[in-house]
Each structure stands twice: as C-alpha cells, then as structure tokens.
Amino acid sequence: EDIERIREVFQKVKEEKLLTSWDIETNTLRPDLLGAKMIIFSISHKERQGVSFPVDHKDHTWTEEEREEILQLIHEYVGNKETYKVGQNIGFDIRFLMRAYGMTEFFNNLDIKVAYYLTTSQDKAKSFTLSTLAY
C-alpha cells in the first residue's frame, strides 16, 4: 500500500529485464461497462514471491496523482519491448486494460492458456484453468 514500493517493483523489473508473470482482478468481466475497474494488479518475478496492490479498490484510495502514476507504470510495464511477461488468459487482461483504461501498447505478453492450446491440446472439452495448466 505504498507508492514507493510499487515504483521499486516496476523499476527492478525494467532494469534487470526480468521474466515476470502478471494478473489483474476486476470488478466485472465486461470492460466496456461504465464503472469497470481493475481492483488489484499482481506481479511476480520470482518463484513463490509476488506483489499485489490495489488500483481502484473501494477500501484503498490513492491520491489522483498516485493513481495516475500507477496506471502509467502498468502501461509502461505491459508495453515494454525488452521484457517478457506471462499470464494465464492474459488476453482478457489486455482487452480489459485497453477498453477500461485506454492502454494501447502490449509487447511480449505471452498467454500460457494459448501456449497450452497450441502445444498440448486443442480439445475444447478440456479445462484451461490455471490449476489444470499447472498440473
């Protein structure tokens, strides 16, 4: 819940060009709806270690400047051409950020759900949940 810590995390990833995993939690599956928000942003750069922080969570309010800075840091992170990012069903997260927040640049964001489909099974009857893919 500290803006300085959020800055440090994104700076470390950028400087060290770390492979990271990221995810968002939202208040709706429909980013086109009025009031669609990213509640939590999570990022991990090390096994069994990650950072989650509120973005537009009702129980945590940033100043408007801090909130804008956080959104800018996220946009720079997902748009960074020098780092690789992975996520499960990251296509949804990207579409959400595009529609709800107007983010436009996404580079080297790899979806493990798509990778599983392309490399392991195209059987649509199979589950593509994170726990299934991890197993």
N, C-alpha and C. Protein backbone atom coordinates (compact mmCIF):
# COMPACT_ATOMS: atom_id res chain seq x y z
N GLU A 1 0.82 -1.20 0.00
CA GLU A 1 0.00 0.00 0.00
C GLU A 1 0.86 1.25 0.00
N ASP A 2 2.06 1.13 -0.53
CA ASP A 2 3.00 2.23 -0.53
C ASP A 2 3.43 2.50 -1.98
N ILE A 3 3.20 3.70 -2.45
CA ILE A 3 3.52 4.06 -3.82
C ILE A 3 5.02 3.88 -4.11
N GLU A 4 5.84 4.11 -3.12
CA GLU A 4 7.29 3.95 -3.30
C GLU A 4 7.64 2.49 -3.58
N ARG A 5 7.00 1.57 -2.89
CA ARG A 5 7.25 0.14 -3.10
C ARG A 5 6.81 -0.27 -4.51
N ILE A 6 5.71 0.26 -4.98
CA ILE A 6 5.23 -0.04 -6.33
C ILE A 6 6.25 0.45 -7.36
N ARG A 7 6.77 1.64 -7.16
CA ARG A 7 7.81 2.17 -8.06
C ARG A 7 9.02 1.24 -8.09
N GLU A 8 9.44 0.78 -6.90
CA GLU A 8 10.62 -0.10 -6.79
C GLU A 8 10.43 -1.39 -7.57
N VAL A 9 9.25 -2.00 -7.46
CA VAL A 9 8.99 -3.27 -8.14
C VAL A 9 9.10 -3.09 -9.65
N PHE A 10 8.43 -2.08 -10.19
CA PHE A 10 8.47 -1.87 -11.63
C PHE A 10 9.87 -1.47 -12.11
N GLN A 11 10.60 -0.72 -11.30
CA GLN A 11 11.96 -0.32 -11.67
C GLN A 11 12.89 -1.54 -11.72
N LYS A 12 12.77 -2.42 -10.74
CA LYS A 12 13.60 -3.63 -10.70
C LYS A 12 13.35 -4.48 -11.94
N VAL A 13 12.09 -4.70 -12.28
CA VAL A 13 11.75 -5.50 -13.47
C VAL A 13 12.33 -4.86 -14.72
N LYS A 14 12.20 -3.55 -14.83
CA LYS A 14 12.68 -2.85 -16.01
C LYS A 14 14.20 -2.89 -16.12
N GLU A 15 14.89 -2.59 -15.03
CA GLU A 15 16.35 -2.54 -15.05
C GLU A 15 16.98 -3.90 -15.25
N GLU A 16 16.44 -4.93 -14.59
CA GLU A 16 17.03 -6.25 -14.64
C GLU A 16 16.45 -7.12 -15.75
N LYS A 17 15.48 -6.56 -16.49
CA LYS A 17 14.85 -7.28 -17.61
C LYS A 17 14.40 -8.67 -17.19
N LEU A 18 13.68 -8.71 -16.09
CA LEU A 18 13.25 -9.98 -15.52
C LEU A 18 12.04 -10.56 -16.26
N LEU A 19 11.98 -11.88 -16.35
CA LEU A 19 10.78 -12.56 -16.80
C LEU A 19 9.77 -12.46 -15.66
N THR A 20 8.58 -12.00 -15.96
CA THR A 20 7.59 -11.81 -14.92
C THR A 20 6.26 -12.44 -15.32
N SER A 21 5.44 -12.60 -14.33
CA SER A 21 4.06 -13.03 -14.52
C SER A 21 3.18 -11.94 -13.93
N TRP A 22 2.05 -11.66 -14.60
CA TRP A 22 1.16 -10.63 -14.07
C TRP A 22 -0.29 -11.04 -14.25
N ASP A 23 -1.15 -10.41 -13.46
CA ASP A 23 -2.57 -10.70 -13.48
C ASP A 23 -3.31 -9.50 -12.91
N ILE A 24 -4.56 -9.37 -13.32
CA ILE A 24 -5.41 -8.35 -12.72
C ILE A 24 -6.69 -9.00 -12.21
N GLU A 25 -7.26 -8.40 -11.21
CA GLU A 25 -8.60 -8.75 -10.72
C GLU A 25 -9.47 -7.55 -11.02
N THR A 26 -10.66 -7.83 -11.52
CA THR A 26 -11.55 -6.76 -11.95
C THR A 26 -12.91 -6.87 -11.25
N ASN A 27 -13.67 -5.80 -11.34
CA ASN A 27 -15.00 -5.82 -10.73
C ASN A 27 -16.07 -6.30 -11.71
N THR A 28 -15.68 -6.61 -12.94
CA THR A 28 -16.61 -7.09 -13.95
C THR A 28 -15.84 -7.81 -15.05
N LEU A 29 -16.54 -8.68 -15.74
CA LEU A 29 -15.95 -9.32 -16.92
C LEU A 29 -16.23 -8.51 -18.17
N ARG A 30 -16.90 -7.39 -18.01
CA ARG A 30 -17.28 -6.54 -19.13
C ARG A 30 -16.58 -5.18 -19.04
N PRO A 31 -15.40 -5.05 -19.62
CA PRO A 31 -14.65 -3.80 -19.51
C PRO A 31 -15.31 -2.62 -20.22
N ASP A 32 -16.29 -2.90 -21.06
CA ASP A 32 -16.99 -1.83 -21.77
C ASP A 32 -18.08 -1.17 -20.92
N LEU A 33 -18.41 -1.76 -19.77
CA LEU A 33 -19.44 -1.20 -18.91
C LEU A 33 -18.93 0.01 -18.14
N LEU A 34 -19.79 0.98 -17.96
CA LEU A 34 -19.46 2.15 -17.14
C LEU A 34 -19.14 1.67 -15.73
N GLY A 35 -18.04 2.11 -15.20
CA GLY A 35 -17.63 1.70 -13.85
C GLY A 35 -16.75 0.46 -13.80
N ALA A 36 -16.39 -0.08 -14.96
CA ALA A 36 -15.47 -1.22 -14.98
C ALA A 36 -14.12 -0.79 -14.41
N LYS A 37 -13.59 -1.58 -13.48
CA LYS A 37 -12.36 -1.19 -12.80
C LYS A 37 -11.42 -2.37 -12.60
N MET A 38 -10.15 -2.06 -12.58
CA MET A 38 -9.11 -3.00 -12.17
C MET A 38 -8.99 -2.82 -10.65
N ILE A 39 -9.33 -3.85 -9.93
CA ILE A 39 -9.31 -3.77 -8.47
C ILE A 39 -7.89 -4.00 -7.93
N ILE A 40 -7.25 -5.05 -8.44
CA ILE A 40 -5.93 -5.45 -7.95
C ILE A 40 -5.02 -5.74 -9.14
N PHE A 41 -3.75 -5.37 -9.04
CA PHE A 41 -2.73 -5.75 -10.01
C PHE A 41 -1.71 -6.59 -9.26
N SER A 42 -1.34 -7.73 -9.84
CA SER A 42 -0.35 -8.62 -9.22
C SER A 42 0.79 -8.86 -10.20
N ILE A 43 1.99 -8.93 -9.67
CA ILE A 43 3.18 -9.19 -10.49
C ILE A 43 4.13 -10.07 -9.68
N SER A 44 4.77 -10.99 -10.38
CA SER A 44 5.74 -11.87 -9.74
C SER A 44 6.96 -12.00 -10.65
N HIS A 45 8.14 -11.95 -10.04
CA HIS A 45 9.37 -12.12 -10.81
C HIS A 45 10.24 -13.24 -10.24
N LYS A 46 9.71 -13.94 -9.26
CA LYS A 46 10.48 -14.99 -8.60
C LYS A 46 9.50 -16.05 -8.10
N GLU A 47 9.90 -17.31 -8.19
CA GLU A 47 9.03 -18.38 -7.75
C GLU A 47 8.60 -18.19 -6.29
N ARG A 48 7.32 -18.37 -6.05
CA ARG A 48 6.70 -18.25 -4.72
C ARG A 48 6.80 -16.84 -4.12
N GLN A 49 6.97 -15.86 -4.99
CA GLN A 49 7.08 -14.49 -4.48
C GLN A 49 6.37 -13.56 -5.46
N GLY A 50 5.58 -12.69 -4.94
CA GLY A 50 4.87 -11.75 -5.78
C GLY A 50 4.39 -10.55 -4.99
N VAL A 51 3.91 -9.57 -5.72
CA VAL A 51 3.40 -8.35 -5.11
C VAL A 51 2.03 -8.08 -5.71
N SER A 52 1.07 -7.84 -4.86
CA SER A 52 -0.26 -7.43 -5.30
C SER A 52 -0.56 -6.09 -4.66
N PHE A 53 -1.19 -5.22 -5.44
CA PHE A 53 -1.54 -3.93 -4.86
C PHE A 53 -2.86 -3.45 -5.43
N PRO A 54 -3.59 -2.69 -4.61
CA PRO A 54 -4.87 -2.17 -5.08
C PRO A 54 -4.66 -1.06 -6.11
N VAL A 55 -5.56 -1.00 -7.06
CA VAL A 55 -5.53 0.08 -8.05
C VAL A 55 -6.77 0.94 -7.85
N ASP A 56 -7.93 0.38 -8.17
CA ASP A 56 -9.20 1.09 -7.95
C ASP A 56 -10.06 0.32 -6.97
N HIS A 57 -9.47 -0.06 -5.86
CA HIS A 57 -10.17 -0.81 -4.82
C HIS A 57 -10.93 0.14 -3.92
N LYS A 58 -12.16 -0.22 -3.57
CA LYS A 58 -13.00 0.68 -2.77
C LYS A 58 -12.45 0.94 -1.36
N ASP A 59 -11.68 0.01 -0.84
CA ASP A 59 -11.14 0.17 0.52
C ASP A 59 -9.78 0.84 0.56
N HIS A 60 -9.26 1.19 -0.59
CA HIS A 60 -7.96 1.87 -0.61
C HIS A 60 -8.01 2.99 -1.64
N THR A 61 -7.74 4.16 -1.18
CA THR A 61 -7.79 5.29 -2.11
C THR A 61 -6.40 5.92 -2.23
N TRP A 62 -5.96 6.01 -3.45
CA TRP A 62 -4.74 6.74 -3.76
C TRP A 62 -5.13 8.18 -4.04
N THR A 63 -4.17 9.07 -3.95
CA THR A 63 -4.44 10.41 -4.47
C THR A 63 -4.59 10.24 -5.99
N GLU A 64 -5.21 11.19 -6.64
CA GLU A 64 -5.40 11.10 -8.08
C GLU A 64 -4.04 11.02 -8.79
N GLU A 65 -3.05 11.74 -8.29
CA GLU A 65 -1.72 11.71 -8.89
C GLU A 65 -1.08 10.33 -8.74
N GLU A 66 -1.22 9.72 -7.56
CA GLU A 66 -0.66 8.38 -7.33
C GLU A 66 -1.36 7.35 -8.22
N ARG A 67 -2.67 7.43 -8.31
CA ARG A 67 -3.43 6.50 -9.16
C ARG A 67 -2.99 6.62 -10.61
N GLU A 68 -2.85 7.83 -11.11
CA GLU A 68 -2.40 8.03 -12.49
C GLU A 68 -0.99 7.50 -12.69
N GLU A 69 -0.13 7.68 -11.70
CA GLU A 69 1.23 7.16 -11.80
C GLU A 69 1.22 5.63 -11.84
N ILE A 70 0.40 5.01 -11.02
CA ILE A 70 0.29 3.55 -11.02
C ILE A 70 -0.18 3.05 -12.38
N LEU A 71 -1.18 3.68 -12.94
CA LEU A 71 -1.67 3.29 -14.27
C LEU A 71 -0.58 3.48 -15.33
N GLN A 72 0.18 4.54 -15.21
CA GLN A 72 1.28 4.78 -16.16
C GLN A 72 2.37 3.71 -16.00
N LEU A 73 2.69 3.35 -14.77
CA LEU A 73 3.69 2.30 -14.53
C LEU A 73 3.24 0.96 -15.12
N ILE A 74 1.96 0.65 -14.95
CA ILE A 74 1.41 -0.58 -15.52
C ILE A 74 1.50 -0.53 -17.04
N HIS A 75 1.11 0.61 -17.63
CA HIS A 75 1.15 0.75 -19.08
C HIS A 75 2.58 0.60 -19.61
N GLU A 76 3.53 1.20 -18.95
CA GLU A 76 4.93 1.07 -19.37
C GLU A 76 5.40 -0.38 -19.24
N TYR A 77 4.97 -1.03 -18.18
CA TYR A 77 5.35 -2.43 -17.94
C TYR A 77 4.82 -3.35 -19.04
N VAL A 78 3.53 -3.31 -19.31
CA VAL A 78 2.95 -4.22 -20.31
C VAL A 78 3.41 -3.87 -21.72
N GLY A 79 3.85 -2.63 -21.93
CA GLY A 79 4.30 -2.19 -23.24
C GLY A 79 5.80 -2.26 -23.44
N ASN A 80 6.53 -2.73 -22.43
CA ASN A 80 7.99 -2.80 -22.51
C ASN A 80 8.42 -3.88 -23.51
N LYS A 81 9.17 -3.48 -24.52
CA LYS A 81 9.63 -4.41 -25.56
C LYS A 81 10.83 -5.23 -25.11
N GLU A 82 11.47 -4.87 -24.00
CA GLU A 82 12.69 -5.54 -23.57
C GLU A 82 12.46 -6.61 -22.51
N THR A 83 11.25 -6.77 -22.04
CA THR A 83 10.97 -7.79 -21.03
C THR A 83 9.87 -8.71 -21.52
N TYR A 84 9.91 -9.95 -21.04
CA TYR A 84 8.86 -10.92 -21.35
C TYR A 84 7.97 -11.09 -20.15
N LYS A 85 6.68 -11.12 -20.43
CA LYS A 85 5.67 -11.25 -19.40
C LYS A 85 4.77 -12.43 -19.76
N VAL A 86 4.35 -13.19 -18.75
CA VAL A 86 3.43 -14.30 -18.99
C VAL A 86 2.23 -14.16 -18.06
N GLY A 87 1.16 -14.80 -18.47
CA GLY A 87 -0.03 -14.81 -17.65
C GLY A 87 -0.99 -15.86 -18.16
N GLN A 88 -1.95 -16.20 -17.35
CA GLN A 88 -2.97 -17.16 -17.74
C GLN A 88 -4.20 -16.40 -18.19
N ASN A 89 -4.64 -16.64 -19.41
CA ASN A 89 -5.76 -15.92 -20.02
C ASN A 89 -5.47 -14.42 -20.06
N ILE A 90 -4.24 -14.10 -20.38
CA ILE A 90 -3.78 -12.71 -20.40
C ILE A 90 -4.49 -11.89 -21.48
N GLY A 91 -5.04 -12.58 -22.46
CA GLY A 91 -5.81 -11.88 -23.49
C GLY A 91 -6.96 -11.09 -22.90
N PHE A 92 -7.63 -11.68 -21.89
CA PHE A 92 -8.70 -10.96 -21.21
C PHE A 92 -8.15 -9.72 -20.52
N ASP A 93 -7.04 -9.88 -19.81
CA ASP A 93 -6.45 -8.76 -19.07
C ASP A 93 -6.06 -7.63 -20.02
N ILE A 94 -5.48 -7.98 -21.16
CA ILE A 94 -5.10 -6.97 -22.14
C ILE A 94 -6.33 -6.25 -22.67
N ARG A 95 -7.35 -7.01 -23.05
CA ARG A 95 -8.59 -6.37 -23.54
C ARG A 95 -9.20 -5.46 -22.48
N PHE A 96 -9.15 -5.91 -21.23
CA PHE A 96 -9.70 -5.09 -20.15
C PHE A 96 -8.94 -3.77 -20.03
N LEU A 97 -7.62 -3.84 -20.01
CA LEU A 97 -6.81 -2.63 -19.89
C LEU A 97 -7.02 -1.70 -21.09
N MET A 98 -7.20 -2.27 -22.26
CA MET A 98 -7.44 -1.46 -23.45
C MET A 98 -8.78 -0.72 -23.34
N ARG A 99 -9.81 -1.47 -23.01
CA ARG A 99 -11.16 -0.88 -23.02
C ARG A 99 -11.44 0.00 -21.80
N ALA A 100 -11.04 -0.45 -20.64
CA ALA A 100 -11.37 0.30 -19.41
C ALA A 100 -10.40 1.44 -19.13
N TYR A 101 -9.14 1.31 -19.60
CA TYR A 101 -8.13 2.30 -19.26
C TYR A 101 -7.45 2.93 -20.47
N GLY A 102 -7.81 2.51 -21.66
CA GLY A 102 -7.26 3.11 -22.87
C GLY A 102 -5.80 2.79 -23.13
N MET A 103 -5.29 1.73 -22.51
CA MET A 103 -3.90 1.35 -22.76
C MET A 103 -3.80 0.79 -24.17
N THR A 104 -2.70 1.10 -24.85
CA THR A 104 -2.61 0.76 -26.26
C THR A 104 -1.42 -0.09 -26.66
N GLU A 105 -0.39 -0.16 -25.85
CA GLU A 105 0.81 -0.89 -26.24
C GLU A 105 1.03 -2.09 -25.32
N PHE A 106 1.15 -3.26 -25.96
CA PHE A 106 1.38 -4.51 -25.25
C PHE A 106 2.40 -5.31 -26.04
N PHE A 107 3.58 -5.50 -25.48
CA PHE A 107 4.63 -6.24 -26.17
C PHE A 107 5.12 -7.38 -25.29
N ASN A 108 5.39 -8.51 -25.92
CA ASN A 108 5.97 -9.67 -25.25
C ASN A 108 5.15 -10.15 -24.06
N ASN A 109 3.82 -10.11 -24.21
CA ASN A 109 2.92 -10.64 -23.19
C ASN A 109 2.42 -11.99 -23.70
N LEU A 110 2.86 -13.06 -23.05
CA LEU A 110 2.59 -14.41 -23.51
C LEU A 110 1.52 -15.07 -22.64
N ASP A 111 0.56 -15.70 -23.29
CA ASP A 111 -0.57 -16.32 -22.60
C ASP A 111 -0.34 -17.82 -22.50
N ILE A 112 -0.22 -18.35 -21.28
CA ILE A 112 0.02 -19.78 -21.13
C ILE A 112 -1.19 -20.61 -21.55
N LYS A 113 -2.36 -20.02 -21.52
CA LYS A 113 -3.56 -20.72 -22.00
C LYS A 113 -3.45 -20.96 -23.50
N VAL A 114 -3.01 -19.96 -24.23
CA VAL A 114 -2.82 -20.09 -25.68
C VAL A 114 -1.66 -21.06 -25.96
N ALA A 115 -0.59 -20.95 -25.20
CA ALA A 115 0.56 -21.84 -25.39
C ALA A 115 0.15 -23.30 -25.18
N TYR A 116 -0.63 -23.55 -24.16
CA TYR A 116 -1.11 -24.91 -23.89
C TYR A 116 -1.95 -25.41 -25.06
N TYR A 117 -2.83 -24.58 -25.54
CA TYR A 117 -3.69 -24.94 -26.66
C TYR A 117 -2.87 -25.27 -27.90
N LEU A 118 -1.86 -24.46 -28.18
CA LEU A 118 -1.06 -24.66 -29.39
C LEU A 118 -0.09 -25.84 -29.28
N THR A 119 0.43 -26.10 -28.09
CA THR A 119 1.48 -27.11 -27.95
C THR A 119 1.01 -28.43 -27.37
N THR A 120 -0.12 -28.44 -26.66
CA THR A 120 -0.50 -29.64 -25.94
C THR A 120 -1.84 -30.22 -26.39
N SER A 121 -2.88 -29.41 -26.38
CA SER A 121 -4.19 -29.96 -26.71
C SER A 121 -5.12 -28.88 -27.25
N GLN A 122 -5.74 -29.20 -28.37
CA GLN A 122 -6.76 -28.32 -28.93
C GLN A 122 -8.15 -28.82 -28.57
N ASP A 123 -8.22 -29.79 -27.68
CA ASP A 123 -9.50 -30.35 -27.26
C ASP A 123 -10.26 -29.31 -26.43
N LYS A 124 -11.31 -28.75 -27.01
CA LYS A 124 -12.06 -27.70 -26.34
C LYS A 124 -12.85 -28.21 -25.14
N ALA A 125 -12.98 -29.53 -25.03
CA ALA A 125 -13.68 -30.10 -23.88
C ALA A 125 -12.78 -30.09 -22.64
N LYS A 126 -11.48 -29.91 -22.84
CA LYS A 126 -10.55 -29.86 -21.71
C LYS A 126 -10.66 -28.52 -20.98
N SER A 127 -10.28 -28.54 -19.74
CA SER A 127 -10.26 -27.33 -18.94
C SER A 127 -8.98 -26.56 -19.20
N PHE A 128 -9.09 -25.25 -19.29
CA PHE A 128 -7.91 -24.40 -19.47
C PHE A 128 -7.70 -23.50 -18.25
N THR A 129 -8.16 -23.95 -17.09
CA THR A 129 -7.98 -23.19 -15.87
C THR A 129 -6.51 -23.23 -15.47
N LEU A 130 -6.11 -22.29 -14.64
CA LEU A 130 -4.72 -22.21 -14.22
C LEU A 130 -4.28 -23.49 -13.50
N SER A 131 -5.13 -24.02 -12.63
CA SER A 131 -4.75 -25.24 -11.90
C SER A 131 -4.56 -26.42 -12.85
N THR A 132 -5.39 -26.52 -13.88
CA THR A 132 -5.23 -27.60 -14.86
C THR A 132 -3.95 -27.42 -15.65
N LEU A 133 -3.68 -26.20 -16.09
CA LEU A 133 -2.47 -25.96 -16.86
C LEU A 133 -1.22 -26.19 -16.02
N ALA A 134 -1.26 -25.82 -14.76
CA ALA A 134 -0.11 -26.02 -13.88
C ALA A 134 0.15 -27.50 -13.66
N TYR A 135 -0.92 -28.28 -13.54
CA TYR A 135 -0.77 -29.71 -13.35
C TYR A 135 -0.16 -30.34 -14.58
